[in-house]
Amino acid sequence: MPLSRISWLVTVAICVIASLLLLLNGYYGYSGVLLAVGAAAAVNL
C-alpha cells in the first residue's frame, strides 16, 4: 500500500473520529463540516 493512500486513510479516520466526538458533545454543525471534509478526503482514495 503506497504511503499516499495510507495518509489519506488516516485523514479520513481522524475526520470521522473527530466528527463523532463533536456529535456526542452537541456540536451538530461542526460535526457535519468534518464529515464533509472526510468525504472529500475519501475521494482521493
PDB file of N, CA and C in Angstrom:
ATOM      1  N   MET A   1       0.854  -1.172   0.000  1.00  0.00           N
ATOM      2  CA  MET A   1       0.000   0.000   0.000  1.00  0.00           C
ATOM      3  C   MET A   1       0.904   1.240   0.000  1.00  0.00           C
ATOM      4  N   PRO A   2       0.688   2.138  -0.945  1.00  0.00           N
ATOM      5  CA  PRO A   2       1.537   3.332  -1.013  1.00  0.00           C
ATOM      6  C   PRO A   2       1.305   4.292   0.165  1.00  0.00           C
ATOM      7  N   LEU A   3       2.325   5.061   0.449  1.00  0.00           N
ATOM      8  CA  LEU A   3       2.274   5.992   1.573  1.00  0.00           C
ATOM      9  C   LEU A   3       1.186   7.044   1.392  1.00  0.00           C
ATOM     10  N   SER A   4       0.947   7.472   0.160  1.00  0.00           N
ATOM     11  CA  SER A   4      -0.088   8.488  -0.070  1.00  0.00           C
ATOM     12  C   SER A   4      -1.471   7.960   0.288  1.00  0.00           C
ATOM     13  N   ARG A   5      -1.726   6.702  -0.010  1.00  0.00           N
ATOM     14  CA  ARG A   5      -3.033   6.117   0.327  1.00  0.00           C
ATOM     15  C   ARG A   5      -3.188   5.988   1.841  1.00  0.00           C
ATOM     16  N   ILE A   6      -2.113   5.611   2.518  1.00  0.00           N
ATOM     17  CA  ILE A   6      -2.159   5.496   3.981  1.00  0.00           C
ATOM     18  C   ILE A   6      -2.453   6.850   4.607  1.00  0.00           C
ATOM     19  N   SER A   7      -1.825   7.901   4.087  1.00  0.00           N
ATOM     20  CA  SER A   7      -2.047   9.234   4.658  1.00  0.00           C
ATOM     21  C   SER A   7      -3.490   9.689   4.452  1.00  0.00           C
ATOM     22  N   TRP A   8      -4.093   9.371   3.302  1.00  0.00           N
ATOM     23  CA  TRP A   8      -5.498   9.735   3.095  1.00  0.00           C
ATOM     24  C   TRP A   8      -6.414   8.918   4.000  1.00  0.00           C
ATOM     25  N   LEU A   9      -6.097   7.643   4.213  1.00  0.00           N
ATOM     26  CA  LEU A   9      -6.899   6.826   5.128  1.00  0.00           C
ATOM     27  C   LEU A   9      -6.842   7.371   6.548  1.00  0.00           C
ATOM     28  N   VAL A  10      -5.663   7.793   6.975  1.00  0.00           N
ATOM     29  CA  VAL A  10      -5.507   8.374   8.319  1.00  0.00           C
ATOM     30  C   VAL A  10      -6.301   9.674   8.420  1.00  0.00           C
ATOM     31  N   THR A  11      -6.260  10.482   7.375  1.00  0.00           N
ATOM     32  CA  THR A  11      -7.010  11.744   7.370  1.00  0.00           C
ATOM     33  C   THR A  11      -8.506  11.486   7.487  1.00  0.00           C
ATOM     34  N   VAL A  12      -9.013  10.530   6.730  1.00  0.00           N
ATOM     35  CA  VAL A  12     -10.444  10.196   6.789  1.00  0.00           C
ATOM     36  C   VAL A  12     -10.795   9.673   8.173  1.00  0.00           C
ATOM     37  N   ALA A  13      -9.969   8.809   8.734  1.00  0.00           N
ATOM     38  CA  ALA A  13     -10.242   8.247  10.054  1.00  0.00           C
ATOM     39  C   ALA A  13     -10.263   9.332  11.126  1.00  0.00           C
ATOM     40  N   ILE A  14      -9.326  10.256  11.069  1.00  0.00           N
ATOM     41  CA  ILE A  14      -9.292  11.349  12.050  1.00  0.00           C
ATOM     42  C   ILE A  14     -10.543  12.212  11.927  1.00  0.00           C
ATOM     43  N   CYS A  15     -10.955  12.505  10.702  1.00  0.00           N
ATOM     44  CA  CYS A  15     -12.159  13.323  10.498  1.00  0.00           C
ATOM     45  C   CYS A  15     -13.399  12.630  11.038  1.00  0.00           C
ATOM     46  N   VAL A  16     -13.516  11.333  10.814  1.00  0.00           N
ATOM     47  CA  VAL A  16     -14.692  10.593  11.295  1.00  0.00           C
ATOM     48  C   VAL A  16     -14.701  10.538  12.816  1.00  0.00           C
ATOM     49  N   ILE A  17     -13.561  10.274  13.424  1.00  0.00           N
ATOM     50  CA  ILE A  17     -13.492  10.209  14.889  1.00  0.00           C
ATOM     51  C   ILE A  17     -13.796  11.569  15.505  1.00  0.00           C
ATOM     52  N   ALA A  18     -13.204  12.618  14.960  1.00  0.00           N
ATOM     53  CA  ALA A  18     -13.463  13.961  15.480  1.00  0.00           C
ATOM     54  C   ALA A  18     -14.919  14.346  15.283  1.00  0.00           C
ATOM     55  N   SER A  19     -15.488  13.952  14.161  1.00  0.00           N
ATOM     56  CA  SER A  19     -16.894  14.248  13.904  1.00  0.00           C
ATOM     57  C   SER A  19     -17.802  13.552  14.918  1.00  0.00           C
ATOM     58  N   LEU A  20     -17.504  12.308  15.212  1.00  0.00           N
ATOM     59  CA  LEU A  20     -18.303  11.582  16.202  1.00  0.00           C
ATOM     60  C   LEU A  20     -18.188  12.207  17.589  1.00  0.00           C
ATOM     61  N   LEU A  21     -16.981  12.628  17.949  1.00  0.00           N
ATOM     62  CA  LEU A  21     -16.799  13.277  19.251  1.00  0.00           C
ATOM     63  C   LEU A  21     -17.573  14.588  19.327  1.00  0.00           C
ATOM     64  N   LEU A  22     -17.538  15.371  18.251  1.00  0.00           N
ATOM     65  CA  LEU A  22     -18.290  16.623  18.234  1.00  0.00           C
ATOM     66  C   LEU A  22     -19.790  16.359  18.264  1.00  0.00           C
ATOM     67  N   LEU A  23     -20.231  15.312  17.584  1.00  0.00           N
ATOM     68  CA  LEU A  23     -21.648  14.960  17.567  1.00  0.00           C
ATOM     69  C   LEU A  23     -22.123  14.578  18.965  1.00  0.00           C
ATOM     70  N   LEU A  24     -21.297  13.844  19.683  1.00  0.00           N
ATOM     71  CA  LEU A  24     -21.656  13.445  21.047  1.00  0.00           C
ATOM     72  C   LEU A  24     -21.717  14.636  21.993  1.00  0.00           C
ATOM     73  N   ASN A  25     -20.943  15.676  21.703  1.00  0.00           N
ATOM     74  CA  ASN A  25     -20.929  16.870  22.553  1.00  0.00           C
ATOM     75  C   ASN A  25     -21.949  17.913  22.128  1.00  0.00           C
ATOM     76  N   GLY A  26     -22.706  17.621  21.070  1.00  0.00           N
ATOM     77  CA  GLY A  26     -23.782  18.513  20.681  1.00  0.00           C
ATOM     78  C   GLY A  26     -23.426  19.556  19.639  1.00  0.00           C
ATOM     79  N   TYR A  27     -22.259  19.463  19.054  1.00  0.00           N
ATOM     80  CA  TYR A  27     -21.856  20.406  18.011  1.00  0.00           C
ATOM     81  C   TYR A  27     -22.223  19.834  16.639  1.00  0.00           C
ATOM     82  N   TYR A  28     -23.502  19.955  16.295  1.00  0.00           N
ATOM     83  CA  TYR A  28     -24.005  19.290  15.093  1.00  0.00           C
ATOM     84  C   TYR A  28     -23.471  19.912  13.809  1.00  0.00           C
ATOM     85  N   GLY A  29     -23.349  21.217  13.748  1.00  0.00           N
ATOM     86  CA  GLY A  29     -22.865  21.882  12.548  1.00  0.00           C
ATOM     87  C   GLY A  29     -21.414  21.550  12.255  1.00  0.00           C
ATOM     88  N   TYR A  30     -20.577  21.624  13.300  1.00  0.00           N
ATOM     89  CA  TYR A  30     -19.163  21.314  13.116  1.00  0.00           C
ATOM     90  C   TYR A  30     -18.974  19.841  12.774  1.00  0.00           C
ATOM     91  N   SER A  31     -19.818  19.000  13.332  1.00  0.00           N
ATOM     92  CA  SER A  31     -19.743  17.579  13.024  1.00  0.00           C
ATOM     93  C   SER A  31     -20.020  17.328  11.552  1.00  0.00           C
ATOM     94  N   GLY A  32     -21.010  18.021  11.007  1.00  0.00           N
ATOM     95  CA  GLY A  32     -21.326  17.884   9.589  1.00  0.00           C
ATOM     96  C   GLY A  32     -20.208  18.389   8.699  1.00  0.00           C
ATOM     97  N   VAL A  33     -19.570  19.468   9.117  1.00  0.00           N
ATOM     98  CA  VAL A  33     -18.454  20.007   8.341  1.00  0.00           C
ATOM     99  C   VAL A  33     -17.303  19.003   8.308  1.00  0.00           C
ATOM    100  N   LEU A  34     -16.997  18.402   9.439  1.00  0.00           N
ATOM    101  CA  LEU A  34     -15.916  17.418   9.465  1.00  0.00           C
ATOM    102  C   LEU A  34     -16.256  16.181   8.648  1.00  0.00           C
ATOM    103  N   LEU A  35     -17.530  15.793   8.638  1.00  0.00           N
ATOM    104  CA  LEU A  35     -17.919  14.674   7.777  1.00  0.00           C
ATOM    105  C   LEU A  35     -17.738  15.020   6.310  1.00  0.00           C
ATOM    106  N   ALA A  36     -18.052  16.252   5.959  1.00  0.00           N
ATOM    107  CA  ALA A  36     -17.875  16.682   4.569  1.00  0.00           C
ATOM    108  C   ALA A  36     -16.393  16.709   4.199  1.00  0.00           C
ATOM    109  N   VAL A  37     -15.544  17.153   5.107  1.00  0.00           N
ATOM    110  CA  VAL A  37     -14.100  17.160   4.850  1.00  0.00           C
ATOM    111  C   VAL A  37     -13.588  15.723   4.715  1.00  0.00           C
ATOM    112  N   GLY A  38     -14.085  14.834   5.572  1.00  0.00           N
ATOM    113  CA  GLY A  38     -13.693  13.429   5.481  1.00  0.00           C
ATOM    114  C   GLY A  38     -14.153  12.792   4.178  1.00  0.00           C
ATOM    115  N   ALA A  39     -15.353  13.152   3.725  1.00  0.00           N
ATOM    116  CA  ALA A  39     -15.851  12.626   2.455  1.00  0.00           C
ATOM    117  C   ALA A  39     -15.012  13.143   1.289  1.00  0.00           C
ATOM    118  N   ALA A  40     -14.610  14.403   1.365  1.00  0.00           N
ATOM    119  CA  ALA A  40     -13.768  14.962   0.312  1.00  0.00           C
ATOM    120  C   ALA A  40     -12.392  14.284   0.301  1.00  0.00           C
ATOM    121  N   ALA A  41     -11.882  13.968   1.475  1.00  0.00           N
ATOM    122  CA  ALA A  41     -10.607  13.259   1.542  1.00  0.00           C
ATOM    123  C   ALA A  41     -10.746  11.827   1.051  1.00  0.00           C
ATOM    124  N   ALA A  42     -11.905  11.224   1.263  1.00  0.00           N
ATOM    125  CA  ALA A  42     -12.131   9.848   0.828  1.00  0.00           C
ATOM    126  C   ALA A  42     -12.168   9.740  -0.687  1.00  0.00           C
ATOM    127  N   VAL A  43     -12.478  10.830  -1.369  1.00  0.00           N
ATOM    128  CA  VAL A  43     -12.488  10.818  -2.839  1.00  0.00           C
ATOM    129  C   VAL A  43     -11.088  10.502  -3.367  1.00  0.00           C
ATOM    130  N   ASN A  44     -10.060  10.911  -2.636  1.00  0.00           N
ATOM    131  CA  ASN A  44      -8.683  10.690  -3.072  1.00  0.00           C
ATOM    132  C   ASN A  44      -8.215   9.249  -2.879  1.00  0.00           C
ATOM    133  N   LEU A  45      -9.038   8.431  -2.219  1.00  0.00           N
ATOM    134  CA  LEU A  45      -8.666   7.031  -2.056  1.00  0.00           C
ATOM    135  C   LEU A  45      -8.943   6.325  -3.345  1.00  0.00           C
TER     136      LEU A  45
END
